[in-house]
Amino acid sequence: MEAFSDAGGGLCHFLTQSERTGSELPMSPHACGSTNQKLRLPEGADSRSPVGAPPPTLVAMVNVYVLVTSVKPLTSFLHDITVVTTNQERRGRPTKLRNFLLQQFGPNASHDALGQTKKVIGEVLQAAVSTNQKQQPFSRCVLCFQLLTFSLLFSSSITPLVVQVETELTFSSLSGDTFDRQITKDGILEDTLHFLFLSSETQTERRQVRRQ
C-alpha cells in the first residue's frame, strides 16, 4: 500500500493527503517507512526497580499481522499469532493475541481490548484507503491481497496506539538462533495462502451456482 509509504521523516504518505491529522487517529503520524525501523519501549519502562517497590506497569509492543483482501469494500483479517515484546521481556515471543490480552487485562476486559484492537486497526486502514481512492481510480483485482505488520503499543489502557505500520511481515524482535523467526513467518504465510485458496474456491462455487 502506497498509503503507508514514507513521505519523509517516517510521516505516513496518506496523512499528507488526508483531511484527518495523525492526532485524530489512534496512531503516531510518523509510523511509516524505514526511518522508523527501530522501535523502542518508552523511556522509564524498565523492569528494574528498587527492592520493595511495586512492580512496574507492563508496557508491551505487539506486532499484529493483518491481511487485506479488498479495499472496496474494505476487508481485512487479523492473524491470531502476534509477536510480543515487553519492558519485562525484551526478546520477542510469538503468542496468540487473545491469550496476551487475557493475561494483560483479565477475563472481563480482554474481550473489550480485542474489540479496541480491531477498531484501531480498522480506523487507520479506512483512513488510508479513503485517501488512496481519491488519488487513484478504482480497479478490481482478483486474488489481490496485502500483508501488513501493525506495531501496537499497549500500556495501562485497553486501547492501543499504532506506532508503526510495515507493508510486509516483520519479525525482527524474534531470535534467529532458535528459528522462531522463520517458523513464525512460514506459519503465517502458510495460513494466509490456505485462507486465500479457500476463499477463492468458495467464490468460484457461488458463481457456478448462480449460473445454474
N, C-alpha and C. Protein backbone atom coordinates (compact mmCIF):
# COMPACT_ATOMS: atom_id res chain seq x y z
N MET A 1 0.83 -1.20 0.00
CA MET A 1 0.00 0.00 0.00
C MET A 1 0.87 1.25 0.00
N GLU A 2 0.72 2.06 -1.03
CA GLU A 2 1.48 3.30 -1.10
C GLU A 2 1.10 4.24 0.04
N ALA A 3 -0.12 4.09 0.54
CA ALA A 3 -0.59 4.97 1.61
C ALA A 3 0.32 4.91 2.83
N PHE A 4 0.96 3.75 3.05
CA PHE A 4 1.82 3.58 4.22
C PHE A 4 3.30 3.75 3.88
N SER A 5 3.60 4.36 2.75
CA SER A 5 4.99 4.64 2.42
C SER A 5 5.46 5.87 3.19
N ASP A 6 6.77 6.07 3.20
CA ASP A 6 7.38 7.15 3.97
C ASP A 6 7.38 8.43 3.14
N ALA A 7 6.68 9.45 3.64
CA ALA A 7 6.64 10.74 2.95
C ALA A 7 7.75 11.66 3.42
N GLY A 8 8.61 11.14 4.30
CA GLY A 8 9.72 11.93 4.84
C GLY A 8 9.69 11.95 6.35
N GLY A 9 10.78 11.52 6.96
CA GLY A 9 10.85 11.50 8.41
C GLY A 9 9.93 10.50 9.06
N GLY A 10 9.50 9.50 8.28
CA GLY A 10 8.59 8.49 8.82
C GLY A 10 7.13 8.88 8.74
N LEU A 11 6.82 10.08 8.21
CA LEU A 11 5.43 10.52 8.09
C LEU A 11 4.71 9.66 7.06
N CYS A 12 3.57 9.12 7.45
CA CYS A 12 2.81 8.26 6.55
C CYS A 12 2.28 9.06 5.37
N HIS A 13 2.44 8.51 4.17
CA HIS A 13 2.08 9.23 2.94
C HIS A 13 0.62 9.65 2.93
N PHE A 14 -0.27 8.77 3.42
CA PHE A 14 -1.69 9.10 3.32
C PHE A 14 -2.06 10.29 4.21
N LEU A 15 -1.26 10.57 5.25
CA LEU A 15 -1.56 11.71 6.12
C LEU A 15 -1.26 13.04 5.45
N THR A 16 -0.44 13.01 4.40
CA THR A 16 -0.16 14.26 3.68
C THR A 16 -1.32 14.64 2.77
N GLN A 17 -2.20 13.68 2.48
CA GLN A 17 -3.34 13.93 1.61
C GLN A 17 -4.67 13.85 2.35
N SER A 18 -4.64 13.34 3.57
CA SER A 18 -5.88 13.10 4.30
C SER A 18 -6.39 14.36 4.98
N GLU A 19 -7.71 14.44 5.12
CA GLU A 19 -8.32 15.54 5.86
C GLU A 19 -8.16 15.35 7.36
N ARG A 20 -7.85 14.11 7.76
CA ARG A 20 -7.66 13.81 9.17
C ARG A 20 -6.18 13.90 9.50
N THR A 21 -5.85 14.47 10.62
CA THR A 21 -4.46 14.55 11.05
C THR A 21 -4.12 13.33 11.89
N GLY A 22 -2.82 13.13 12.10
CA GLY A 22 -2.39 11.99 12.90
C GLY A 22 -2.95 12.02 14.30
N SER A 23 -3.15 13.23 14.85
CA SER A 23 -3.67 13.34 16.21
C SER A 23 -5.13 12.89 16.30
N GLU A 24 -5.83 12.86 15.16
CA GLU A 24 -7.22 12.42 15.15
C GLU A 24 -7.35 10.92 14.98
N LEU A 25 -6.25 10.27 14.69
CA LEU A 25 -6.24 8.83 14.53
C LEU A 25 -5.48 8.20 15.70
N PRO A 26 -5.80 6.94 16.03
CA PRO A 26 -5.11 6.27 17.14
C PRO A 26 -3.73 5.76 16.71
N MET A 27 -2.90 6.68 16.19
CA MET A 27 -1.60 6.27 15.70
C MET A 27 -0.61 7.42 15.78
N SER A 28 0.66 7.08 15.78
CA SER A 28 1.70 8.08 15.65
C SER A 28 1.78 8.48 14.18
N PRO A 29 1.80 9.78 13.86
CA PRO A 29 1.85 10.18 12.45
C PRO A 29 3.14 9.73 11.76
N HIS A 30 4.21 9.59 12.53
CA HIS A 30 5.50 9.16 11.98
C HIS A 30 5.67 7.65 12.20
N ALA A 31 4.74 6.89 11.63
CA ALA A 31 4.70 5.45 11.86
C ALA A 31 5.01 4.63 10.62
N CYS A 32 5.52 5.29 9.58
CA CYS A 32 5.70 4.60 8.31
C CYS A 32 7.14 4.71 7.81
N GLY A 33 7.55 3.71 7.05
CA GLY A 33 8.83 3.79 6.35
C GLY A 33 10.02 3.33 7.16
N SER A 34 11.14 3.25 6.46
CA SER A 34 12.37 2.71 7.04
C SER A 34 12.99 3.62 8.08
N THR A 35 12.60 4.91 8.10
CA THR A 35 13.19 5.83 9.07
C THR A 35 12.70 5.54 10.48
N ASN A 36 11.70 4.68 10.61
CA ASN A 36 11.14 4.38 11.92
C ASN A 36 11.30 2.90 12.26
N GLN A 37 12.39 2.29 11.76
CA GLN A 37 12.54 0.85 11.89
C GLN A 37 12.74 0.38 13.32
N LYS A 38 13.58 1.07 14.08
CA LYS A 38 13.95 0.58 15.40
C LYS A 38 12.99 1.11 16.46
N LEU A 39 12.02 0.28 16.79
CA LEU A 39 11.05 0.66 17.80
C LEU A 39 11.59 0.37 19.19
N ARG A 40 11.32 1.28 20.10
CA ARG A 40 11.75 1.08 21.48
C ARG A 40 10.58 1.35 22.41
N LEU A 41 10.55 0.62 23.50
CA LEU A 41 9.55 0.90 24.51
C LEU A 41 9.86 2.25 25.15
N PRO A 42 8.83 2.96 25.64
CA PRO A 42 9.05 4.29 26.20
C PRO A 42 10.09 4.30 27.30
N GLU A 43 10.82 5.41 27.40
CA GLU A 43 11.80 5.56 28.47
C GLU A 43 11.11 5.43 29.82
N GLY A 44 11.80 4.76 30.71
CA GLY A 44 11.23 4.58 32.04
C GLY A 44 10.47 3.28 32.18
N ALA A 45 10.20 2.61 31.05
CA ALA A 45 9.51 1.33 31.10
C ALA A 45 10.54 0.24 31.31
N ASP A 46 11.12 0.23 32.48
CA ASP A 46 12.22 -0.68 32.79
C ASP A 46 11.79 -1.62 33.89
N SER A 47 12.15 -2.88 33.75
CA SER A 47 11.74 -3.88 34.73
C SER A 47 12.53 -3.75 36.03
N ARG A 48 13.66 -3.03 36.03
CA ARG A 48 14.45 -2.89 37.24
C ARG A 48 13.82 -1.85 38.16
N SER A 49 13.63 -2.17 39.41
CA SER A 49 13.03 -1.25 40.36
C SER A 49 13.62 -1.52 41.73
N PRO A 50 13.59 -0.53 42.64
CA PRO A 50 14.15 -0.72 43.98
C PRO A 50 13.47 -1.85 44.72
N VAL A 51 14.21 -2.47 45.63
CA VAL A 51 13.65 -3.56 46.43
C VAL A 51 12.48 -3.03 47.25
N GLY A 52 11.37 -3.75 47.22
CA GLY A 52 10.19 -3.36 47.97
C GLY A 52 9.25 -2.45 47.22
N ALA A 53 9.69 -1.93 46.07
CA ALA A 53 8.83 -1.05 45.27
C ALA A 53 7.80 -1.89 44.53
N PRO A 54 6.62 -1.32 44.24
CA PRO A 54 5.61 -2.07 43.48
C PRO A 54 6.12 -2.38 42.08
N PRO A 55 5.70 -3.49 41.50
CA PRO A 55 6.16 -3.85 40.16
C PRO A 55 5.74 -2.80 39.14
N PRO A 56 6.59 -2.53 38.14
CA PRO A 56 6.25 -1.52 37.14
C PRO A 56 5.08 -1.96 36.28
N THR A 57 4.36 -0.99 35.72
CA THR A 57 3.26 -1.30 34.82
C THR A 57 3.80 -1.97 33.57
N LEU A 58 3.14 -3.03 33.15
CA LEU A 58 3.58 -3.74 31.96
C LEU A 58 3.32 -2.88 30.73
N VAL A 59 4.37 -2.67 29.96
CA VAL A 59 4.26 -1.96 28.69
C VAL A 59 4.66 -2.94 27.60
N ALA A 60 3.82 -3.10 26.61
CA ALA A 60 4.07 -4.12 25.59
C ALA A 60 3.97 -3.55 24.19
N MET A 61 4.87 -4.02 23.33
CA MET A 61 4.82 -3.75 21.90
C MET A 61 4.35 -5.03 21.23
N VAL A 62 3.24 -4.96 20.52
CA VAL A 62 2.64 -6.15 19.93
C VAL A 62 2.58 -5.99 18.42
N ASN A 63 3.23 -6.89 17.71
CA ASN A 63 3.15 -6.91 16.25
C ASN A 63 1.94 -7.75 15.84
N VAL A 64 0.98 -7.09 15.21
CA VAL A 64 -0.22 -7.76 14.74
C VAL A 64 -0.14 -7.85 13.22
N TYR A 65 -0.40 -9.05 12.69
CA TYR A 65 -0.25 -9.29 11.25
C TYR A 65 -1.64 -9.27 10.60
N VAL A 66 -1.77 -8.36 9.62
CA VAL A 66 -3.07 -8.05 9.04
C VAL A 66 -3.08 -8.41 7.56
N LEU A 67 -4.11 -9.12 7.14
CA LEU A 67 -4.31 -9.46 5.74
C LEU A 67 -5.45 -8.61 5.19
N VAL A 68 -5.16 -7.82 4.16
CA VAL A 68 -6.18 -7.02 3.48
C VAL A 68 -6.48 -7.68 2.15
N THR A 69 -7.73 -8.07 1.94
CA THR A 69 -8.11 -8.77 0.70
C THR A 69 -8.94 -7.90 -0.23
N SER A 70 -9.42 -6.77 0.27
CA SER A 70 -10.23 -5.89 -0.57
C SER A 70 -10.21 -4.49 0.03
N VAL A 71 -10.23 -3.48 -0.84
CA VAL A 71 -10.31 -2.10 -0.35
C VAL A 71 -11.68 -1.50 -0.61
N LYS A 72 -12.48 -2.12 -1.47
CA LYS A 72 -13.83 -1.62 -1.74
C LYS A 72 -14.76 -2.81 -1.95
N PRO A 73 -15.44 -3.26 -0.90
CA PRO A 73 -15.39 -2.73 0.47
C PRO A 73 -14.09 -3.14 1.18
N LEU A 74 -13.71 -2.37 2.18
CA LEU A 74 -12.51 -2.70 2.94
C LEU A 74 -12.74 -3.99 3.71
N THR A 75 -11.88 -4.97 3.44
CA THR A 75 -11.99 -6.28 4.09
C THR A 75 -10.62 -6.68 4.59
N SER A 76 -10.51 -6.91 5.88
CA SER A 76 -9.21 -7.26 6.46
C SER A 76 -9.40 -8.31 7.54
N PHE A 77 -8.32 -9.04 7.81
CA PHE A 77 -8.34 -10.11 8.79
C PHE A 77 -7.07 -10.04 9.63
N LEU A 78 -7.21 -10.32 10.92
CA LEU A 78 -6.07 -10.36 11.83
C LEU A 78 -5.67 -11.81 12.08
N HIS A 79 -4.38 -12.09 11.93
CA HIS A 79 -3.91 -13.43 12.27
C HIS A 79 -3.91 -13.57 13.78
N ASP A 80 -4.17 -14.79 14.26
CA ASP A 80 -4.25 -14.98 15.71
C ASP A 80 -2.88 -14.98 16.38
N ILE A 81 -1.81 -15.19 15.60
CA ILE A 81 -0.46 -15.17 16.17
C ILE A 81 0.12 -13.76 16.09
N THR A 82 0.65 -13.28 17.20
CA THR A 82 1.33 -11.99 17.25
C THR A 82 2.73 -12.21 17.82
N VAL A 83 3.54 -11.16 17.76
CA VAL A 83 4.85 -11.19 18.42
C VAL A 83 4.86 -10.09 19.47
N VAL A 84 5.13 -10.47 20.71
CA VAL A 84 5.03 -9.54 21.85
C VAL A 84 6.41 -9.29 22.44
N THR A 85 6.71 -8.01 22.67
CA THR A 85 7.90 -7.59 23.39
C THR A 85 7.45 -6.69 24.53
N THR A 86 7.96 -6.90 25.73
CA THR A 86 7.54 -6.08 26.87
C THR A 86 8.75 -5.49 27.58
N ASN A 87 8.47 -4.56 28.51
CA ASN A 87 9.53 -3.99 29.32
C ASN A 87 10.07 -5.00 30.33
N GLN A 88 9.38 -6.12 30.48
CA GLN A 88 9.84 -7.17 31.38
C GLN A 88 10.47 -8.34 30.62
N GLU A 89 10.27 -8.36 29.30
CA GLU A 89 10.80 -9.44 28.46
C GLU A 89 11.17 -8.84 27.11
N ARG A 90 12.43 -8.42 26.99
CA ARG A 90 12.87 -7.66 25.82
C ARG A 90 12.91 -8.50 24.55
N ARG A 91 13.15 -9.78 24.68
CA ARG A 91 13.16 -10.63 23.49
C ARG A 91 11.73 -10.97 23.10
N GLY A 92 11.41 -10.80 21.84
CA GLY A 92 10.05 -11.06 21.38
C GLY A 92 9.69 -12.53 21.49
N ARG A 93 8.41 -12.77 21.63
CA ARG A 93 7.92 -14.15 21.68
C ARG A 93 6.60 -14.23 20.92
N PRO A 94 6.41 -15.27 20.12
CA PRO A 94 5.13 -15.45 19.43
C PRO A 94 4.07 -15.93 20.41
N THR A 95 2.91 -15.33 20.35
CA THR A 95 1.81 -15.73 21.22
C THR A 95 0.50 -15.36 20.57
N LYS A 96 -0.56 -16.03 20.94
CA LYS A 96 -1.87 -15.71 20.39
C LYS A 96 -2.36 -14.39 20.98
N LEU A 97 -2.97 -13.57 20.13
CA LEU A 97 -3.42 -12.25 20.56
C LEU A 97 -4.41 -12.35 21.71
N ARG A 98 -5.36 -13.26 21.62
CA ARG A 98 -6.36 -13.41 22.69
C ARG A 98 -5.70 -13.79 24.01
N ASN A 99 -4.70 -14.67 23.95
CA ASN A 99 -4.02 -15.08 25.18
C ASN A 99 -3.26 -13.92 25.82
N PHE A 100 -2.61 -13.11 24.98
CA PHE A 100 -1.89 -11.95 25.50
C PHE A 100 -2.84 -10.98 26.18
N LEU A 101 -3.96 -10.68 25.52
CA LEU A 101 -4.91 -9.72 26.08
C LEU A 101 -5.54 -10.27 27.36
N LEU A 102 -5.78 -11.56 27.40
CA LEU A 102 -6.33 -12.18 28.60
C LEU A 102 -5.35 -12.06 29.76
N GLN A 103 -4.08 -12.30 29.49
CA GLN A 103 -3.06 -12.20 30.52
C GLN A 103 -2.84 -10.75 30.95
N GLN A 104 -2.95 -9.84 30.00
CA GLN A 104 -2.69 -8.43 30.27
C GLN A 104 -3.83 -7.75 31.02
N PHE A 105 -5.08 -8.03 30.60
CA PHE A 105 -6.21 -7.27 31.12
C PHE A 105 -7.22 -8.09 31.91
N GLY A 106 -7.07 -9.42 31.91
CA GLY A 106 -8.00 -10.25 32.66
C GLY A 106 -9.20 -10.64 31.81
N PRO A 107 -10.01 -11.59 32.31
CA PRO A 107 -11.12 -12.13 31.52
C PRO A 107 -12.21 -11.12 31.20
N ASN A 108 -12.43 -10.15 32.06
CA ASN A 108 -13.53 -9.20 31.84
C ASN A 108 -13.20 -8.17 30.77
N ALA A 109 -11.98 -7.64 30.82
CA ALA A 109 -11.61 -6.54 29.91
C ALA A 109 -10.95 -7.01 28.62
N SER A 110 -10.52 -8.27 28.57
CA SER A 110 -9.77 -8.73 27.39
C SER A 110 -10.64 -8.72 26.13
N HIS A 111 -11.92 -9.03 26.28
CA HIS A 111 -12.82 -9.00 25.11
C HIS A 111 -12.94 -7.58 24.56
N ASP A 112 -13.06 -6.61 25.47
CA ASP A 112 -13.14 -5.21 25.04
C ASP A 112 -11.82 -4.77 24.41
N ALA A 113 -10.70 -5.26 24.95
CA ALA A 113 -9.39 -4.90 24.41
C ALA A 113 -9.23 -5.44 22.98
N LEU A 114 -9.75 -6.65 22.73
CA LEU A 114 -9.70 -7.20 21.38
C LEU A 114 -10.54 -6.35 20.43
N GLY A 115 -11.70 -5.93 20.90
CA GLY A 115 -12.55 -5.07 20.09
C GLY A 115 -11.88 -3.74 19.78
N GLN A 116 -11.19 -3.18 20.77
CA GLN A 116 -10.48 -1.92 20.56
C GLN A 116 -9.31 -2.09 19.58
N THR A 117 -8.64 -3.24 19.66
CA THR A 117 -7.54 -3.52 18.74
C THR A 117 -8.04 -3.55 17.30
N LYS A 118 -9.14 -4.25 17.08
CA LYS A 118 -9.73 -4.31 15.74
C LYS A 118 -10.20 -2.94 15.27
N LYS A 119 -10.77 -2.17 16.19
CA LYS A 119 -11.28 -0.84 15.85
C LYS A 119 -10.15 0.10 15.45
N VAL A 120 -9.06 0.08 16.22
CA VAL A 120 -7.92 0.95 15.94
C VAL A 120 -7.32 0.64 14.57
N ILE A 121 -7.08 -0.65 14.31
CA ILE A 121 -6.51 -1.04 13.02
C ILE A 121 -7.48 -0.69 11.89
N GLY A 122 -8.77 -0.92 12.11
CA GLY A 122 -9.77 -0.61 11.10
C GLY A 122 -9.83 0.87 10.77
N GLU A 123 -9.73 1.73 11.79
CA GLU A 123 -9.78 3.17 11.57
C GLU A 123 -8.58 3.65 10.74
N VAL A 124 -7.41 3.12 11.05
CA VAL A 124 -6.21 3.51 10.30
C VAL A 124 -6.29 3.02 8.86
N LEU A 125 -6.71 1.77 8.67
CA LEU A 125 -6.86 1.24 7.31
C LEU A 125 -7.88 2.03 6.51
N GLN A 126 -9.01 2.35 7.14
CA GLN A 126 -10.06 3.08 6.43
C GLN A 126 -9.58 4.47 6.01
N ALA A 127 -8.86 5.14 6.89
CA ALA A 127 -8.33 6.46 6.56
C ALA A 127 -7.34 6.37 5.40
N ALA A 128 -6.49 5.35 5.42
CA ALA A 128 -5.50 5.17 4.36
C ALA A 128 -6.17 4.84 3.04
N VAL A 129 -7.14 3.94 3.07
CA VAL A 129 -7.84 3.53 1.85
C VAL A 129 -8.64 4.69 1.26
N SER A 130 -9.33 5.43 2.11
CA SER A 130 -10.14 6.55 1.64
C SER A 130 -9.29 7.59 0.93
N THR A 131 -8.12 7.87 1.49
CA THR A 131 -7.21 8.84 0.87
C THR A 131 -6.67 8.31 -0.44
N ASN A 132 -6.32 7.03 -0.47
CA ASN A 132 -5.75 6.42 -1.66
C ASN A 132 -6.75 6.39 -2.81
N GLN A 133 -8.04 6.16 -2.49
CA GLN A 133 -9.06 6.10 -3.53
C GLN A 133 -9.28 7.45 -4.18
N LYS A 134 -9.04 8.53 -3.44
CA LYS A 134 -9.19 9.87 -4.01
C LYS A 134 -8.09 10.16 -5.03
N GLN A 135 -6.93 9.50 -4.84
CA GLN A 135 -5.78 9.76 -5.70
C GLN A 135 -5.74 8.84 -6.91
N GLN A 136 -6.29 7.62 -6.78
CA GLN A 136 -6.17 6.64 -7.84
C GLN A 136 -7.54 6.08 -8.20
N PRO A 137 -7.80 5.85 -9.50
CA PRO A 137 -9.07 5.24 -9.90
C PRO A 137 -9.16 3.81 -9.39
N PHE A 138 -10.37 3.40 -9.06
CA PHE A 138 -10.57 2.05 -8.53
C PHE A 138 -10.56 1.02 -9.65
N SER A 139 -9.85 -0.06 -9.45
CA SER A 139 -9.84 -1.16 -10.41
C SER A 139 -9.95 -2.46 -9.63
N ARG A 140 -10.76 -3.37 -10.14
CA ARG A 140 -10.99 -4.63 -9.46
C ARG A 140 -9.85 -5.61 -9.77
N CYS A 141 -9.42 -6.32 -8.76
CA CYS A 141 -8.33 -7.28 -8.93
C CYS A 141 -8.72 -8.57 -8.24
N VAL A 142 -8.61 -9.67 -8.96
CA VAL A 142 -8.95 -10.98 -8.41
C VAL A 142 -7.73 -11.56 -7.69
N LEU A 143 -7.93 -12.04 -6.47
CA LEU A 143 -6.88 -12.65 -5.67
C LEU A 143 -5.74 -11.68 -5.34
N CYS A 144 -6.03 -10.40 -5.28
CA CYS A 144 -5.04 -9.44 -4.80
C CYS A 144 -5.13 -9.38 -3.28
N PHE A 145 -3.99 -9.20 -2.64
CA PHE A 145 -4.00 -9.08 -1.19
C PHE A 145 -2.76 -8.33 -0.75
N GLN A 146 -2.79 -7.85 0.49
CA GLN A 146 -1.66 -7.14 1.08
C GLN A 146 -1.49 -7.60 2.51
N LEU A 147 -0.27 -7.97 2.87
CA LEU A 147 0.05 -8.32 4.25
C LEU A 147 0.73 -7.13 4.90
N LEU A 148 0.27 -6.77 6.08
CA LEU A 148 0.81 -5.63 6.81
C LEU A 148 1.18 -6.05 8.22
N THR A 149 2.16 -5.36 8.79
CA THR A 149 2.50 -5.54 10.20
C THR A 149 2.17 -4.25 10.94
N PHE A 150 1.23 -4.34 11.87
CA PHE A 150 0.89 -3.21 12.73
C PHE A 150 1.58 -3.40 14.07
N SER A 151 2.44 -2.47 14.45
CA SER A 151 3.06 -2.50 15.78
C SER A 151 2.24 -1.64 16.71
N LEU A 152 1.66 -2.27 17.73
CA LEU A 152 0.76 -1.60 18.66
C LEU A 152 1.41 -1.48 20.02
N LEU A 153 1.26 -0.32 20.63
CA LEU A 153 1.80 -0.09 21.97
C LEU A 153 0.66 -0.18 22.98
N PHE A 154 0.77 -1.15 23.90
CA PHE A 154 -0.19 -1.32 24.98
C PHE A 154 0.46 -0.89 26.29
N SER A 155 -0.29 -0.11 27.07
CA SER A 155 0.18 0.23 28.41
C SER A 155 -0.94 -0.07 29.39
N SER A 156 -1.44 0.93 30.07
CA SER A 156 -2.49 0.69 31.06
C SER A 156 -3.88 0.72 30.45
N SER A 157 -3.99 1.12 29.19
CA SER A 157 -5.29 1.24 28.54
C SER A 157 -5.57 0.04 27.65
N ILE A 158 -6.86 -0.28 27.49
CA ILE A 158 -7.24 -1.37 26.59
C ILE A 158 -7.19 -0.92 25.13
N THR A 159 -7.02 0.38 24.91
CA THR A 159 -6.93 0.91 23.54
C THR A 159 -5.46 1.12 23.17
N PRO A 160 -4.96 0.39 22.19
CA PRO A 160 -3.54 0.51 21.83
C PRO A 160 -3.30 1.72 20.93
N LEU A 161 -2.03 2.06 20.78
CA LEU A 161 -1.60 3.11 19.87
C LEU A 161 -0.78 2.48 18.76
N VAL A 162 -1.10 2.80 17.51
CA VAL A 162 -0.32 2.30 16.38
C VAL A 162 0.97 3.12 16.30
N VAL A 163 2.11 2.48 16.46
CA VAL A 163 3.38 3.20 16.43
C VAL A 163 4.18 2.91 15.17
N GLN A 164 3.80 1.87 14.44
CA GLN A 164 4.47 1.62 13.16
C GLN A 164 3.61 0.70 12.30
N VAL A 165 3.65 0.96 10.99
CA VAL A 165 2.97 0.10 10.01
C VAL A 165 3.99 -0.28 8.94
N GLU A 166 4.16 -1.57 8.74
CA GLU A 166 5.07 -2.08 7.72
C GLU A 166 4.25 -2.75 6.62
N THR A 167 4.65 -2.55 5.37
CA THR A 167 3.94 -3.16 4.25
C THR A 167 4.48 -4.54 3.92
N GLU A 168 4.95 -5.22 4.95
CA GLU A 168 5.43 -6.59 4.84
C GLU A 168 5.41 -7.20 6.23
N LEU A 169 5.68 -8.50 6.30
CA LEU A 169 5.74 -9.16 7.60
C LEU A 169 7.11 -8.91 8.22
N THR A 170 7.15 -8.46 9.46
CA THR A 170 8.42 -8.22 10.15
C THR A 170 8.45 -9.00 11.46
N PHE A 171 9.63 -9.57 11.75
CA PHE A 171 9.81 -10.39 12.95
C PHE A 171 11.16 -10.10 13.59
N SER A 172 11.60 -8.85 13.52
CA SER A 172 12.95 -8.51 13.96
C SER A 172 13.19 -8.77 15.44
N SER A 173 12.13 -8.76 16.26
CA SER A 173 12.33 -8.96 17.70
C SER A 173 12.46 -10.44 18.07
N LEU A 174 12.17 -11.33 17.11
CA LEU A 174 12.31 -12.76 17.38
C LEU A 174 13.75 -13.20 17.14
N SER A 175 14.18 -14.18 17.91
CA SER A 175 15.54 -14.69 17.77
C SER A 175 15.67 -15.52 16.51
N GLY A 176 16.73 -15.25 15.74
CA GLY A 176 17.00 -16.06 14.56
C GLY A 176 17.75 -17.33 14.92
N ASP A 177 18.37 -17.35 16.10
CA ASP A 177 19.17 -18.51 16.50
C ASP A 177 18.30 -19.73 16.78
N THR A 178 17.09 -19.52 17.29
CA THR A 178 16.23 -20.64 17.64
C THR A 178 15.21 -20.94 16.55
N PHE A 179 15.34 -20.30 15.41
CA PHE A 179 14.45 -20.49 14.26
C PHE A 179 13.03 -20.00 14.52
N ASP A 180 12.80 -19.28 15.64
CA ASP A 180 11.47 -18.75 15.92
C ASP A 180 11.00 -17.82 14.81
N ARG A 181 11.93 -17.02 14.31
CA ARG A 181 11.58 -16.04 13.28
C ARG A 181 11.07 -16.72 12.02
N GLN A 182 11.82 -17.70 11.53
CA GLN A 182 11.44 -18.37 10.28
C GLN A 182 10.20 -19.23 10.46
N ILE A 183 10.10 -19.91 11.60
CA ILE A 183 8.94 -20.77 11.85
C ILE A 183 7.66 -19.94 11.92
N THR A 184 7.71 -18.81 12.62
CA THR A 184 6.53 -17.96 12.74
C THR A 184 6.13 -17.38 11.39
N LYS A 185 7.12 -16.91 10.63
CA LYS A 185 6.84 -16.34 9.32
C LYS A 185 6.23 -17.38 8.38
N ASP A 186 6.83 -18.56 8.35
CA ASP A 186 6.32 -19.62 7.47
C ASP A 186 4.90 -20.01 7.86
N GLY A 187 4.62 -20.05 9.16
CA GLY A 187 3.29 -20.43 9.61
C GLY A 187 2.23 -19.42 9.19
N ILE A 188 2.55 -18.13 9.31
CA ILE A 188 1.59 -17.09 8.93
C ILE A 188 1.38 -17.09 7.42
N LEU A 189 2.45 -17.23 6.65
CA LEU A 189 2.32 -17.27 5.20
C LEU A 189 1.51 -18.48 4.74
N GLU A 190 1.75 -19.62 5.37
CA GLU A 190 1.00 -20.83 5.02
C GLU A 190 -0.48 -20.65 5.32
N ASP A 191 -0.80 -20.10 6.48
CA ASP A 191 -2.20 -19.86 6.84
C ASP A 191 -2.85 -18.87 5.87
N THR A 192 -2.09 -17.85 5.47
CA THR A 192 -2.62 -16.84 4.55
C THR A 192 -2.97 -17.44 3.20
N LEU A 193 -2.04 -18.21 2.64
CA LEU A 193 -2.28 -18.83 1.34
C LEU A 193 -3.43 -19.83 1.40
N HIS A 194 -3.50 -20.57 2.49
CA HIS A 194 -4.59 -21.53 2.67
C HIS A 194 -5.93 -20.80 2.73
N PHE A 195 -5.97 -19.70 3.47
CA PHE A 195 -7.20 -18.91 3.60
C PHE A 195 -7.62 -18.33 2.25
N LEU A 196 -6.65 -17.78 1.50
CA LEU A 196 -6.96 -17.19 0.20
C LEU A 196 -7.44 -18.25 -0.78
N PHE A 197 -6.84 -19.44 -0.72
CA PHE A 197 -7.23 -20.52 -1.62
C PHE A 197 -8.67 -20.96 -1.33
N LEU A 198 -9.00 -21.11 -0.05
CA LEU A 198 -10.36 -21.50 0.31
C LEU A 198 -11.37 -20.42 -0.08
N SER A 199 -10.99 -19.15 0.12
CA SER A 199 -11.88 -18.05 -0.25
C SER A 199 -12.14 -18.03 -1.75
N SER A 200 -11.08 -18.29 -2.53
CA SER A 200 -11.22 -18.31 -3.98
C SER A 200 -12.12 -19.45 -4.42
N GLU A 201 -11.96 -20.62 -3.79
CA GLU A 201 -12.81 -21.76 -4.12
C GLU A 201 -14.27 -21.47 -3.82
N THR A 202 -14.51 -20.84 -2.67
CA THR A 202 -15.88 -20.51 -2.27
C THR A 202 -16.53 -19.55 -3.26
N GLN A 203 -15.78 -18.53 -3.69
CA GLN A 203 -16.31 -17.57 -4.65
C GLN A 203 -16.61 -18.23 -5.98
N THR A 204 -15.74 -19.14 -6.41
CA THR A 204 -15.96 -19.85 -7.67
C THR A 204 -17.21 -20.71 -7.60
N GLU A 205 -17.41 -21.41 -6.48
CA GLU A 205 -18.59 -22.25 -6.32
C GLU A 205 -19.86 -21.41 -6.32
N ARG A 206 -19.82 -20.23 -5.70
CA ARG A 206 -21.00 -19.36 -5.69
C ARG A 206 -21.36 -18.88 -7.08
N ARG A 207 -20.34 -18.54 -7.88
CA ARG A 207 -20.61 -18.09 -9.25
C ARG A 207 -21.20 -19.22 -10.08
N GLN A 208 -20.73 -20.45 -9.86
CA GLN A 208 -21.25 -21.59 -10.61
C GLN A 208 -22.70 -21.86 -10.24
N VAL A 209 -23.03 -21.71 -8.96
CA VAL A 209 -24.41 -21.93 -8.51
C VAL A 209 -25.35 -20.90 -9.13
N ARG A 210 -24.90 -19.65 -9.21
CA ARG A 210 -25.73 -18.60 -9.78
C ARG A 210 -26.02 -18.83 -11.26
N ARG A 211 -25.07 -19.45 -11.97
CA ARG A 211 -25.23 -19.68 -13.40
C ARG A 211 -26.17 -20.84 -13.69
N GLN A 212 -26.35 -21.72 -12.71
CA GLN A 212 -27.19 -22.91 -12.93
C GLN A 212 -28.67 -22.55 -12.92
